[in-house]
Amino acid sequence: MKWIANFLLSSLGKKLIMSLTGLFLCLFLVVHMLGNLQLFVDTDGEAFNLYAYQMTHNPLIKIIAYGNYFFILLHAVQGILITTQNRSAKGIAYQGKETADTQAKLAAKNMRNLGLLILVFIGLHMWQFWAQMKFFTVTEVTYGDQTVKDLYTLVRFAFSEAWVCVFYLVSLAALALHLLHGFWSAFQTMGLMNKKYSPLIRGLALAYAIFIPLGFASMPVVFFLMGAPQ
């Protein structure tokens, strides 16, 4: 068992954990975005509020959610450790292999800073919605015989604030750069990049880094234009 611990604490082990947790979080982002797009299903928030209720009351989903929180923290800690280790060894920030893509180079050189901004963004996001639902009084609405918390109106009020929308959009731009480098880098770390599949993986990374942040960005933009509910 000692060799397992030694491997996980080694530079390669840290990068492998970073890659696996990163890919798990990429999958989570897809699911989370698709769920949140239910904000646009109707104008009174019924679809989204019922979805949010199911997500917070399903025991399996709750277990997965706590696992997701753990992976976010583990991913962040591993990133800090890798950056610190590389700076100590080389005197430079973590860059990974150079690519011909300017955006990928920019992302690679700033992965730590991008990650820290995203971590702050996650904290604000959790405070505005998860914490409000868990620990504060939220207006309830009834659909048929089901009474649920009105998270839809909470979202609309949050995104009616200009500073919230601006911060979300800046953070999503940082997420796009983070994903652009991190997605293909995870496959590279696991030894899955080769001449045959490398163009496909890079193409998927670019598409993912564009469409996932754009999907999330549509929410603050649309609700800001709609304004706060009356």
Foldseek 3Di string as FASTA:
>chain_A
DVVVVVLCPDLLNLLLLLLVLVVVVLVVLVVVLVLVVCLPVDDQCPSNQVSVVCCVPPPVSVVVVVVNVVSLVSNLVSQVVNQVVCCVVPVAGAQPDDDPDPLLRVLSRCLNVLSVLLVVVVVVVCVQQVCCQVPHDADWDDDDNDIGGRSSLSLLQQLLDPVSLVSLLVNLLSQLSNQLNSQVVSCVSVVNDDPVCPVVSNVVSNVSSPPSSVSVSVSSVVSNVVHRDD
